[in-house]
Amino acid sequence: MDIKEDKKLLRENIKNLFEMTEDQKKQNSLILANKISSLPLYKECSTLLAFISTKDEIEIDSIVDLALKENKEVALPVVEQTMLAFYKIDLHWKDNLVAGKWGLKEVNKEHYQKIDNFKEPLLILVPALAFSHSKVRLGRGKGFYDRFLSTLKVDFTTVGVCYDYQVLATLPAEKHDIKVDYIVTPTISI
């Protein structure tokens, strides 16, 4: 079996592990929000790039809302062809969501401005199906985050955020896979 096949099988297996009540999801999200907001990396950042969680990702809406209330520049991704573009949002962002590619929620580009030049310090919260102890990220297999991160021309810090069960001892990695700088879950910080 090659690395691509290993990753595909892992994605299927990890998705099958997800069993959590709505209360458990909310509790985990609140704990994560408190951990992220207490990090010096978060406190010092001018710009926060976040994401809109899918049903099997930990929800980070409260972190996004807090950063907006603290007057940080906050942007969320939109899939544009083969790349991610980030759009600066405001406190009403939840009222301006649309179904994007593959049915994933995205901000409505008609309501927000695309950011091409990010203010530093830049903090990027990165989703994944899994992370390894060595900070390898297993995404959904389309390479959007790897391509985006490889094109950034500013200094940035990445924090992988997920549920505890999504942190594994090891993951297969390819040459183009970009590791995150840190991993934060409700009970784990790497």
Protein backbone atom coordinates (compact mmCIF):
# COMPACT_ATOMS: atom_id res chain seq x y z
CA MET A 1 0.00 0.00 0.00
CA ASP A 2 1.37 3.47 -0.82
CA ILE A 3 1.07 6.69 1.22
CA LYS A 4 -1.97 7.98 -0.73
CA GLU A 5 -3.84 4.73 -0.07
CA ASP A 6 -2.79 4.78 3.60
CA LYS A 7 -4.15 8.31 3.95
CA LYS A 8 -7.43 7.43 2.24
CA LEU A 9 -7.98 4.48 4.57
CA LEU A 10 -7.12 6.60 7.63
CA ARG A 11 -9.62 9.28 6.56
CA GLU A 12 -12.39 6.68 6.34
CA ASN A 13 -11.47 5.15 9.72
CA ILE A 14 -11.25 8.50 11.53
CA LYS A 15 -14.63 9.65 10.20
CA ASN A 16 -16.13 6.42 11.60
CA LEU A 17 -14.78 7.22 15.09
CA PHE A 18 -16.80 10.41 15.44
CA GLU A 19 -19.54 9.85 18.01
CA MET A 20 -20.35 12.75 20.30
CA THR A 21 -23.54 14.26 21.67
CA GLU A 22 -24.33 17.91 20.99
CA ASP A 23 -23.61 18.72 24.66
CA GLN A 24 -20.21 17.01 24.43
CA LYS A 25 -19.42 18.97 21.25
CA LYS A 26 -20.36 22.27 22.92
CA GLN A 27 -18.36 21.47 26.06
CA ASN A 28 -15.27 20.55 24.02
CA SER A 29 -15.62 23.71 21.94
CA LEU A 30 -15.81 25.93 25.02
CA ILE A 31 -12.77 24.30 26.59
CA LEU A 32 -10.84 24.72 23.34
CA ALA A 33 -11.90 28.37 23.02
CA ASN A 34 -10.62 29.09 26.54
CA LYS A 35 -7.31 27.37 25.79
CA ILE A 36 -6.79 29.16 22.47
CA SER A 37 -7.76 32.59 23.82
CA SER A 38 -5.25 32.23 26.68
CA LEU A 39 -2.32 31.47 24.37
CA PRO A 40 0.26 34.26 23.93
CA LEU A 41 0.13 33.49 20.19
CA TYR A 42 -3.54 34.39 20.16
CA LYS A 43 -3.21 37.43 22.40
CA GLU A 44 -0.41 38.87 20.26
CA CYS A 45 -1.89 38.21 16.82
CA SER A 46 -3.28 41.06 14.72
CA THR A 47 -4.92 38.72 12.23
CA LEU A 48 -6.66 35.41 12.81
CA LEU A 49 -7.38 33.07 9.93
CA ALA A 50 -9.96 30.53 11.04
CA PHE A 51 -12.42 28.15 9.40
CA ILE A 52 -16.08 27.18 9.48
CA SER A 53 -16.26 23.80 11.17
CA THR A 54 -17.82 20.79 9.51
CA LYS A 55 -19.89 18.30 11.50
CA ASP A 56 -16.82 16.19 12.35
CA GLU A 57 -14.54 19.12 13.27
CA ILE A 58 -14.41 20.91 16.59
CA GLU A 59 -16.43 24.11 16.46
CA ILE A 60 -14.44 27.32 16.77
CA ASP A 61 -17.20 29.92 16.33
CA SER A 62 -16.67 31.30 19.84
CA ILE A 63 -12.96 31.92 19.11
CA VAL A 64 -13.90 33.73 15.89
CA ASP A 65 -16.49 35.85 17.70
CA LEU A 66 -14.09 36.69 20.54
CA ALA A 67 -11.36 37.77 18.11
CA LEU A 68 -13.84 40.03 16.31
CA LYS A 69 -14.96 41.59 19.61
CA GLU A 70 -11.28 42.20 20.43
CA ASN A 71 -10.94 44.08 17.10
CA LYS A 72 -8.63 41.55 15.53
CA GLU A 73 -8.78 41.17 11.77
CA VAL A 74 -10.52 37.82 11.23
CA ALA A 75 -10.89 36.00 7.94
CA LEU A 76 -12.53 32.75 6.84
CA PRO A 77 -11.71 30.60 3.79
CA VAL A 78 -13.54 30.28 0.51
CA VAL A 79 -12.54 27.65 -2.06
CA GLU A 80 -11.66 29.38 -5.32
CA GLN A 81 -10.78 26.82 -7.98
CA THR A 82 -7.78 24.97 -6.49
CA MET A 83 -6.85 27.52 -3.81
CA LEU A 84 -8.18 28.90 -0.55
CA ALA A 85 -8.90 32.62 -0.43
CA PHE A 86 -9.59 34.33 2.89
CA TYR A 87 -12.30 36.95 3.35
CA LYS A 88 -12.33 39.47 6.19
CA ILE A 89 -15.51 39.07 8.23
CA ASP A 90 -17.50 41.07 10.77
CA LEU A 91 -19.67 40.19 13.77
CA HIS A 92 -22.58 39.31 11.45
CA TRP A 93 -20.67 36.60 9.58
CA LYS A 94 -23.04 33.80 10.64
CA ASP A 95 -25.87 35.59 8.82
CA ASN A 96 -23.87 35.59 5.58
CA LEU A 97 -23.04 31.95 4.98
CA VAL A 98 -23.64 30.08 1.74
CA ALA A 99 -23.09 26.53 0.54
CA GLY A 100 -19.72 26.37 -1.15
CA LYS A 101 -17.91 23.65 -3.00
CA TRP A 102 -18.88 20.13 -1.81
CA GLY A 103 -21.71 21.69 0.20
CA LEU A 104 -19.36 23.11 2.85
CA LYS A 105 -20.40 26.38 4.46
CA GLU A 106 -18.47 29.45 3.34
CA VAL A 107 -18.90 33.17 3.84
CA ASN A 108 -20.74 34.92 1.05
CA LYS A 109 -18.06 36.64 -1.06
CA GLU A 110 -20.55 39.34 -2.04
CA HIS A 111 -20.63 40.60 1.55
CA TYR A 112 -16.93 40.51 2.41
CA GLN A 113 -13.58 41.63 1.07
CA LYS A 114 -10.85 39.21 0.08
CA ILE A 115 -7.59 39.73 1.95
CA ASP A 116 -4.41 39.52 -0.09
CA ASN A 117 -2.05 41.18 2.39
CA PHE A 118 -2.22 39.82 5.90
CA LYS A 119 -1.30 41.90 8.95
CA GLU A 120 1.33 40.38 11.20
CA PRO A 121 1.51 38.69 13.59
CA LEU A 122 -0.68 36.20 11.75
CA LEU A 123 -2.23 33.21 13.52
CA ILE A 124 -3.85 30.46 11.45
CA LEU A 125 -6.20 27.91 13.01
CA VAL A 126 -6.02 24.80 10.86
CA PRO A 127 -8.63 22.01 10.73
CA ALA A 128 -7.88 18.34 10.04
CA LEU A 129 -9.27 14.88 10.30
CA ALA A 130 -6.18 14.06 12.38
CA PHE A 131 -2.80 15.32 13.54
CA SER A 132 0.20 13.31 14.69
CA HIS A 133 2.39 13.93 17.72
CA SER A 134 5.03 15.18 15.26
CA LYS A 135 2.48 17.76 13.95
CA VAL A 136 1.76 16.09 10.62
CA ARG A 137 -1.72 17.01 9.39
CA LEU A 138 -4.16 14.67 7.69
CA GLY A 139 -6.64 16.83 5.81
CA ARG A 140 -9.43 15.81 3.48
CA GLY A 141 -7.08 15.01 0.62
CA LYS A 142 -7.48 18.01 -1.67
CA GLY A 143 -4.33 19.87 -0.54
CA PHE A 144 -5.98 23.28 -0.07
CA TYR A 145 -4.21 24.17 3.17
CA ASP A 146 -0.83 22.87 1.99
CA ARG A 147 -1.08 24.99 -1.18
CA PHE A 148 -2.27 28.06 0.72
CA LEU A 149 0.41 27.87 3.41
CA SER A 150 3.15 27.30 0.84
CA THR A 151 2.25 30.57 -0.92
CA LEU A 152 2.18 32.87 2.12
CA LYS A 153 4.77 35.64 1.97
CA VAL A 154 4.44 36.75 5.61
CA ASP A 155 5.46 35.25 8.94
CA PHE A 156 2.72 33.12 10.41
CA THR A 157 2.05 30.53 13.08
CA THR A 158 -0.26 27.57 12.57
CA VAL A 159 -2.25 25.90 15.30
CA GLY A 160 -3.98 22.65 14.48
CA VAL A 161 -7.26 22.37 16.35
CA CYS A 162 -9.26 19.19 16.78
CA TYR A 163 -10.86 16.78 19.23
CA ASP A 164 -8.60 14.66 21.45
CA TYR A 165 -9.33 11.44 19.55
CA GLN A 166 -8.00 13.07 16.36
CA VAL A 167 -4.43 13.21 17.69
CA LEU A 168 -2.60 10.03 16.71
CA ALA A 169 0.91 8.79 17.44
CA THR A 170 1.94 8.82 13.76
CA LEU A 171 0.52 9.65 10.35
CA PRO A 172 1.87 9.04 6.86
CA ALA A 173 3.26 12.18 5.22
CA GLU A 174 4.24 13.17 1.73
CA LYS A 175 6.90 15.65 0.67
CA HIS A 176 4.34 18.44 0.05
CA ASP A 177 2.56 18.04 3.42
CA ILE A 178 3.11 21.05 5.66
CA LYS A 179 3.26 20.43 9.40
CA VAL A 180 1.52 22.72 11.86
CA ASP A 181 3.52 24.58 14.50
CA TYR A 182 1.26 23.59 17.42
CA ILE A 183 -1.70 21.33 18.13
CA VAL A 184 -4.40 22.24 20.66
CA THR A 185 -7.34 20.07 21.69
CA PRO A 186 -9.56 20.34 24.76
CA THR A 187 -7.00 18.38 26.83
CA ILE A 188 -3.81 18.17 24.72
CA SER A 189 -1.29 20.84 23.78
CA ILE A 190 1.67 19.91 21.60
